[in-house]
Protein backbone atom coordinates (compact mmCIF):
# COMPACT_ATOMS: atom_id res chain seq x y z
CA MET A 1 -25.24 -50.66 58.20
CA GLN A 2 -22.51 -53.08 59.36
CA ALA A 3 -22.24 -54.72 55.95
CA ASN A 4 -21.76 -51.33 54.26
CA ILE A 5 -18.70 -50.17 56.24
CA ALA A 6 -15.74 -50.32 53.87
CA ARG A 7 -13.17 -48.60 56.11
CA TYR A 8 -12.99 -46.86 59.44
CA GLY A 9 -10.90 -43.91 60.51
CA LEU A 10 -10.27 -41.10 62.93
CA ILE A 11 -9.96 -37.42 62.10
CA LEU A 12 -7.65 -35.48 64.39
CA ASN A 13 -7.99 -31.70 64.13
CA THR A 14 -4.74 -30.00 65.11
CA GLU A 15 -3.30 -26.55 65.56
CA ARG A 16 0.34 -27.65 65.22
CA PHE A 17 -0.36 -29.51 62.01
CA ASP A 18 3.18 -30.17 60.72
CA GLN A 19 4.48 -31.23 64.13
CA CYS A 20 1.55 -33.61 64.66
CA VAL A 21 2.00 -35.16 61.21
CA ALA A 22 5.69 -35.76 61.96
CA PHE A 23 4.87 -37.17 65.41
CA TYR A 24 2.46 -39.81 64.16
CA ARG A 25 4.19 -40.56 60.86
CA ASP A 26 7.79 -40.60 62.05
CA LEU A 27 7.68 -41.62 65.72
CA PHE A 28 5.01 -44.30 65.27
CA GLY A 29 5.91 -45.19 61.70
CA LEU A 30 2.40 -44.73 60.32
CA ARG A 31 2.59 -45.00 56.55
CA GLN A 32 1.35 -41.93 54.72
CA LEU A 33 -1.50 -42.84 52.37
CA PHE A 34 -1.99 -39.40 50.82
CA GLU A 35 -1.97 -35.67 51.48
CA LYS A 36 -3.94 -32.74 50.11
CA ASP A 37 -3.35 -29.02 50.02
CA GLU A 38 -6.27 -27.28 48.35
CA ASP A 39 -6.83 -23.54 48.65
CA GLY A 40 -4.94 -23.42 51.95
CA PHE A 41 -6.73 -26.41 53.48
CA ARG A 42 -4.31 -29.21 54.27
CA LEU A 43 -4.71 -32.77 55.40
CA VAL A 44 -2.54 -35.84 55.71
CA CYS A 45 -3.99 -39.34 55.85
CA LEU A 46 -1.94 -42.02 57.63
CA GLU A 47 -2.50 -45.76 57.83
CA TYR A 48 -3.68 -46.66 61.35
CA GLY A 49 -3.92 -50.44 61.55
CA ASP A 50 -6.65 -51.48 59.14
CA GLY A 51 -8.10 -47.97 59.27
CA TYR A 52 -6.72 -44.47 58.91
CA LEU A 53 -5.78 -41.44 60.95
CA MET A 54 -6.50 -38.23 59.08
CA ILE A 55 -4.75 -35.16 60.44
CA GLU A 56 -6.35 -31.83 59.61
CA PRO A 57 -6.02 -28.25 60.87
CA GLY A 58 -8.64 -26.68 63.08
CA GLY A 59 -7.81 -28.01 66.54
CA LYS A 60 -6.61 -26.15 69.60
CA ALA A 61 -3.13 -26.90 70.95
CA LYS A 62 -2.13 -26.97 74.59
CA ASP A 63 1.46 -26.99 75.85
CA SER A 64 0.69 -29.73 78.36
CA THR A 65 -1.51 -32.82 78.28
CA LYS A 66 -5.15 -31.98 77.59
CA SER A 67 -7.67 -32.85 80.28
CA LEU A 68 -10.53 -35.24 79.50
CA GLU A 69 -12.79 -32.22 79.05
CA GLU A 70 -10.38 -30.65 76.55
CA GLY A 71 -9.79 -33.82 74.56
CA SER A 72 -11.90 -36.86 75.35
CA VAL A 73 -10.11 -39.21 72.91
CA LYS A 74 -6.84 -41.00 73.61
CA LEU A 75 -5.00 -42.67 70.74
CA ARG A 76 -3.50 -46.04 71.67
CA PHE A 77 -0.62 -47.94 70.12
CA ASN A 78 0.09 -51.51 71.25
CA VAL A 79 3.70 -52.62 70.82
CA GLU A 80 5.58 -55.91 71.08
CA ASN A 81 8.38 -54.44 73.21
CA LEU A 82 7.52 -51.62 75.59
CA GLU A 83 11.14 -50.97 76.58
CA ASP A 84 12.12 -50.44 72.93
CA ALA A 85 9.15 -48.11 72.51
CA LEU A 86 10.25 -46.13 75.56
CA ALA A 87 13.74 -45.75 74.09
CA ASP A 88 12.28 -44.51 70.79
CA ILE A 89 10.04 -42.02 72.61
CA ARG A 90 12.93 -40.71 74.70
CA ALA A 91 15.08 -40.40 71.55
CA TRP A 92 12.45 -37.93 70.33
CA GLY A 93 13.19 -35.84 73.42
CA ILE A 94 9.96 -36.80 75.17
CA GLN A 95 10.18 -37.47 78.89
CA ALA A 96 8.28 -40.68 79.60
CA ALA A 97 8.21 -43.73 81.83
CA ILE A 98 6.53 -47.10 81.93
CA THR A 99 3.56 -47.23 84.28
CA GLU A 100 2.62 -50.55 85.88
CA ASN A 101 -1.15 -51.06 86.23
CA ALA A 102 -3.15 -54.02 87.48
CA TRP A 103 -4.38 -54.48 83.90
CA GLY A 104 -1.06 -53.97 82.07
CA ARG A 105 1.94 -51.75 81.38
CA THR A 106 1.67 -48.44 79.53
CA ILE A 107 3.54 -45.32 78.53
CA ASN A 108 1.44 -42.16 78.57
CA ILE A 109 2.56 -39.18 76.50
CA ASN A 110 0.96 -36.41 74.50
CA ASP A 111 1.35 -35.29 70.90
CA PRO A 112 2.54 -31.76 69.98
CA ASP A 113 -1.03 -30.43 70.41
CA GLY A 114 -1.37 -31.95 73.90
CA ASN A 115 -3.64 -34.82 72.79
CA ARG A 116 -3.30 -37.89 75.00
CA VAL A 117 -1.46 -40.86 73.50
CA GLY A 118 -0.92 -44.23 75.14
CA VAL A 119 1.53 -46.97 74.27
CA ARG A 120 0.60 -50.38 75.63
CA ASP A 121 2.32 -53.73 76.02
CA GLU A 122 0.63 -55.99 73.44
CA ALA A 123 1.25 -59.15 75.48
CA GLY A 124 -0.79 -57.78 78.38
CA PHE A 125 -3.59 -56.78 76.03
CA ILE A 126 -3.74 -60.21 74.39
CA GLY A 127 -3.72 -61.78 77.87
CA GLN A 128 -6.86 -59.83 78.74
CA ILE A 129 -8.61 -60.94 75.54
CA ASN A 130 -7.79 -64.57 76.20
CA ALA A 131 -8.72 -64.44 79.89
C-alpha cells in the first residue's frame, strides 16, 4: 500500500468548531485549503506540512487540557524560534511557558476544545535525528 498513498492527513472532531478553526488557522498560520458547509455539516481543511488537518464537528470540548484517556493524540508544531512562538501564543491570551526537558524545549498548550498541542524547538528535534 505504501506506493498508493497520495496524501496523509488528520481529522480533528471538535465541539467548538469555529474557535478551533481560528486557533489552528490564525495562531499557527495553517493555510486553508477548502471548506464545506453542506446540509448543516461543516468542515475546514488546513494545510499541515505536506499533509492536511481537517477540522470537523462532532468532538467533545473540555475547558481544561484533556487527559490521555480523553484525547490520546497531541498535535505538534516545530518552530525555528521558541521564544517568538511563546510571544505569539501569549498574544492570543494563552498562558504558557517554555519547558526544558532532557530531550528538548517545548511549550504545551491546548486548543479551544482542550486537545493537547505541543510547540517544539526545531533545532533540538533535528539534533536528535542527527545523533
